[in-house]
Amino acid sequence: MTSKLILATLISLSSLATVSHAAVIKSAETKSSLAPAKNSLIEKAITQQKQADKQKFESNNDLKVLTSIHVAPTQSFFALQNQRFSRFVQALFPQGNS
């Protein structure tokens, strides 16, 4: 009888601890989400600078991509493509040198 009473007491205490822990976590989450985010002027300036740098970096990347796309192919480019194609054709149709 005593072991059943001790077991019941331990189970109720552990469930009570779990419930109270969950309640504390939930109340902490609501307190943190309710507090308005107030940034100082320095933090606002830093975030604006980071956003400006990010936009500048993205525009530089876009410019590089557009420049690389719109560059006219050079003679060496055509020569390289011709050489690759010739090797491909030779691999498909090997010449029988006898």
C-alpha atoms as a PDB file:
ATOM      1  CA  MET A   1       0.000   0.000   0.000  1.00  0.00           C
ATOM      2  CA  THR A   2       2.782   2.414   0.898  1.00  0.00           C
ATOM      3  CA  SER A   3       4.651   1.740  -2.351  1.00  0.00           C
ATOM      4  CA  LYS A   4       1.508   2.556  -4.348  1.00  0.00           C
ATOM      5  CA  LEU A   5       1.102   5.784  -2.380  1.00  0.00           C
ATOM      6  CA  ILE A   6       4.741   6.766  -2.964  1.00  0.00           C
ATOM      7  CA  LEU A   7       4.456   5.908  -6.674  1.00  0.00           C
ATOM      8  CA  ALA A   8       1.281   7.984  -7.016  1.00  0.00           C
ATOM      9  CA  THR A   9       2.953  10.908  -5.226  1.00  0.00           C
ATOM     10  CA  LEU A  10       6.004  10.755  -7.509  1.00  0.00           C
ATOM     11  CA  ILE A  11       3.885  10.592 -10.640  1.00  0.00           C
ATOM     12  CA  SER A  12       1.754  13.549  -9.567  1.00  0.00           C
ATOM     13  CA  LEU A  13       4.849  15.592  -8.670  1.00  0.00           C
ATOM     14  CA  SER A  14       6.513  14.863 -11.993  1.00  0.00           C
ATOM     15  CA  SER A  15       3.382  15.786 -13.940  1.00  0.00           C
ATOM     16  CA  LEU A  16       3.014  18.960 -11.861  1.00  0.00           C
ATOM     17  CA  ALA A  17       6.634  19.870 -12.599  1.00  0.00           C
ATOM     18  CA  THR A  18       6.103  19.311 -16.319  1.00  0.00           C
ATOM     19  CA  VAL A  19       2.961  21.447 -16.388  1.00  0.00           C
ATOM     20  CA  SER A  20       4.558  24.264 -14.409  1.00  0.00           C
ATOM     21  CA  HIS A  21       7.667  24.179 -16.625  1.00  0.00           C
ATOM     22  CA  ALA A  22       5.489  24.442 -19.734  1.00  0.00           C
ATOM     23  CA  ALA A  23       3.572  27.342 -18.209  1.00  0.00           C
ATOM     24  CA  VAL A  24       6.793  29.200 -17.413  1.00  0.00           C
ATOM     25  CA  ILE A  25       8.102  28.714 -20.942  1.00  0.00           C
ATOM     26  CA  LYS A  26       4.823  29.860 -22.469  1.00  0.00           C
ATOM     27  CA  SER A  27       4.685  32.980 -20.284  1.00  0.00           C
ATOM     28  CA  ALA A  28       8.288  33.811 -21.189  1.00  0.00           C
ATOM     29  CA  GLU A  29       7.499  33.503 -24.896  1.00  0.00           C
ATOM     30  CA  THR A  30       4.470  35.788 -24.636  1.00  0.00           C
ATOM     31  CA  LYS A  31       6.444  38.384 -22.688  1.00  0.00           C
ATOM     32  CA  SER A  32       9.213  38.427 -25.256  1.00  0.00           C
ATOM     33  CA  SER A  33       6.803  38.672 -28.173  1.00  0.00           C
ATOM     34  CA  LEU A  34       4.760  41.448 -26.587  1.00  0.00           C
ATOM     35  CA  ALA A  35       7.729  43.731 -25.960  1.00  0.00           C
ATOM     36  CA  PRO A  36       8.078  46.206 -28.854  1.00  0.00           C
ATOM     37  CA  ALA A  37      11.446  46.279 -30.535  1.00  0.00           C
ATOM     38  CA  LYS A  38      13.024  49.665 -29.866  1.00  0.00           C
ATOM     39  CA  ASN A  39      16.246  50.290 -31.729  1.00  0.00           C
ATOM     40  CA  SER A  40      18.576  53.126 -30.990  1.00  0.00           C
ATOM     41  CA  LEU A  41      19.546  55.556 -33.705  1.00  0.00           C
ATOM     42  CA  ILE A  42      22.944  53.908 -34.020  1.00  0.00           C
ATOM     43  CA  GLU A  43      21.368  50.468 -34.555  1.00  0.00           C
ATOM     44  CA  LYS A  44      19.013  51.909 -37.167  1.00  0.00           C
ATOM     45  CA  ALA A  45      21.912  53.528 -39.002  1.00  0.00           C
ATOM     46  CA  ILE A  46      23.885  50.295 -38.952  1.00  0.00           C
ATOM     47  CA  THR A  47      20.960  48.287 -40.340  1.00  0.00           C
ATOM     48  CA  GLN A  48      20.392  50.888 -43.064  1.00  0.00           C
ATOM     49  CA  GLN A  49      24.083  50.762 -43.985  1.00  0.00           C
ATOM     50  CA  LYS A  50      23.996  46.965 -44.149  1.00  0.00           C
ATOM     51  CA  GLN A  51      20.931  47.055 -46.386  1.00  0.00           C
ATOM     52  CA  ALA A  52      22.564  49.638 -48.662  1.00  0.00           C
ATOM     53  CA  ASP A  53      25.742  47.539 -48.882  1.00  0.00           C
ATOM     54  CA  LYS A  54      23.696  44.438 -49.670  1.00  0.00           C
ATOM     55  CA  GLN A  55      21.800  46.219 -52.444  1.00  0.00           C
ATOM     56  CA  LYS A  56      25.044  47.596 -53.861  1.00  0.00           C
ATOM     57  CA  PHE A  57      26.625  44.136 -53.824  1.00  0.00           C
ATOM     58  CA  GLU A  58      23.590  42.613 -55.542  1.00  0.00           C
ATOM     59  CA  SER A  59      23.591  45.329 -58.215  1.00  0.00           C
ATOM     60  CA  ASN A  60      27.334  44.727 -58.825  1.00  0.00           C
ATOM     61  CA  ASN A  61      26.666  41.009 -59.256  1.00  0.00           C
ATOM     62  CA  ASP A  62      23.797  41.727 -61.622  1.00  0.00           C
ATOM     63  CA  LEU A  63      26.025  44.035 -63.636  1.00  0.00           C
ATOM     64  CA  LYS A  64      28.745  41.381 -63.853  1.00  0.00           C
ATOM     65  CA  VAL A  65      26.258  38.769 -65.020  1.00  0.00           C
ATOM     66  CA  LEU A  66      24.727  41.061 -67.620  1.00  0.00           C
ATOM     67  CA  THR A  67      28.148  42.087 -68.877  1.00  0.00           C
ATOM     68  CA  SER A  68      29.275  38.486 -69.205  1.00  0.00           C
ATOM     69  CA  ILE A  69      26.085  37.594 -71.093  1.00  0.00           C
ATOM     70  CA  HIS A  70      26.223  40.504 -73.548  1.00  0.00           C
ATOM     71  CA  VAL A  71      29.906  40.202 -74.436  1.00  0.00           C
ATOM     72  CA  ALA A  72      30.342  39.201 -78.048  1.00  0.00           C
ATOM     73  CA  PRO A  73      32.182  35.899 -78.521  1.00  0.00           C
ATOM     74  CA  THR A  74      35.774  36.291 -79.629  1.00  0.00           C
ATOM     75  CA  GLN A  75      37.690  34.403 -82.297  1.00  0.00           C
ATOM     76  CA  SER A  76      39.372  32.212 -79.688  1.00  0.00           C
ATOM     77  CA  PHE A  77      35.946  31.212 -78.374  1.00  0.00           C
ATOM     78  CA  PHE A  78      34.894  30.040 -81.833  1.00  0.00           C
ATOM     79  CA  ALA A  79      38.204  28.222 -82.312  1.00  0.00           C
ATOM     80  CA  LEU A  80      37.757  26.399 -79.013  1.00  0.00           C
ATOM     81  CA  GLN A  81      34.200  25.388 -79.891  1.00  0.00           C
ATOM     82  CA  ASN A  82      35.342  24.168 -83.307  1.00  0.00           C
ATOM     83  CA  GLN A  83      38.127  22.106 -81.748  1.00  0.00           C
ATOM     84  CA  ARG A  84      35.747  20.503 -79.246  1.00  0.00           C
ATOM     85  CA  PHE A  85      33.227  19.709 -81.946  1.00  0.00           C
ATOM     86  CA  SER A  86      35.911  18.224 -84.186  1.00  0.00           C
ATOM     87  CA  ARG A  87      37.119  15.949 -81.385  1.00  0.00           C
ATOM     88  CA  PHE A  88      33.530  14.900 -80.697  1.00  0.00           C
ATOM     89  CA  VAL A  89      32.941  14.011 -84.350  1.00  0.00           C
ATOM     90  CA  GLN A  90      36.255  12.144 -84.520  1.00  0.00           C
ATOM     91  CA  ALA A  91      35.255  10.162 -81.437  1.00  0.00           C
ATOM     92  CA  LEU A  92      31.959   9.190 -83.068  1.00  0.00           C
ATOM     93  CA  PHE A  93      33.505   8.320 -86.441  1.00  0.00           C
ATOM     94  CA  PRO A  94      37.038   7.041 -85.919  1.00  0.00           C
ATOM     95  CA  GLN A  95      39.221   6.959 -89.021  1.00  0.00           C
ATOM     96  CA  GLY A  96      40.677   3.606 -89.885  1.00  0.00           C
ATOM     97  CA  ASN A  97      44.348   4.277 -90.609  1.00  0.00           C
ATOM     98  CA  SER A  98      45.650   1.063 -92.164  1.00  0.00           C
END
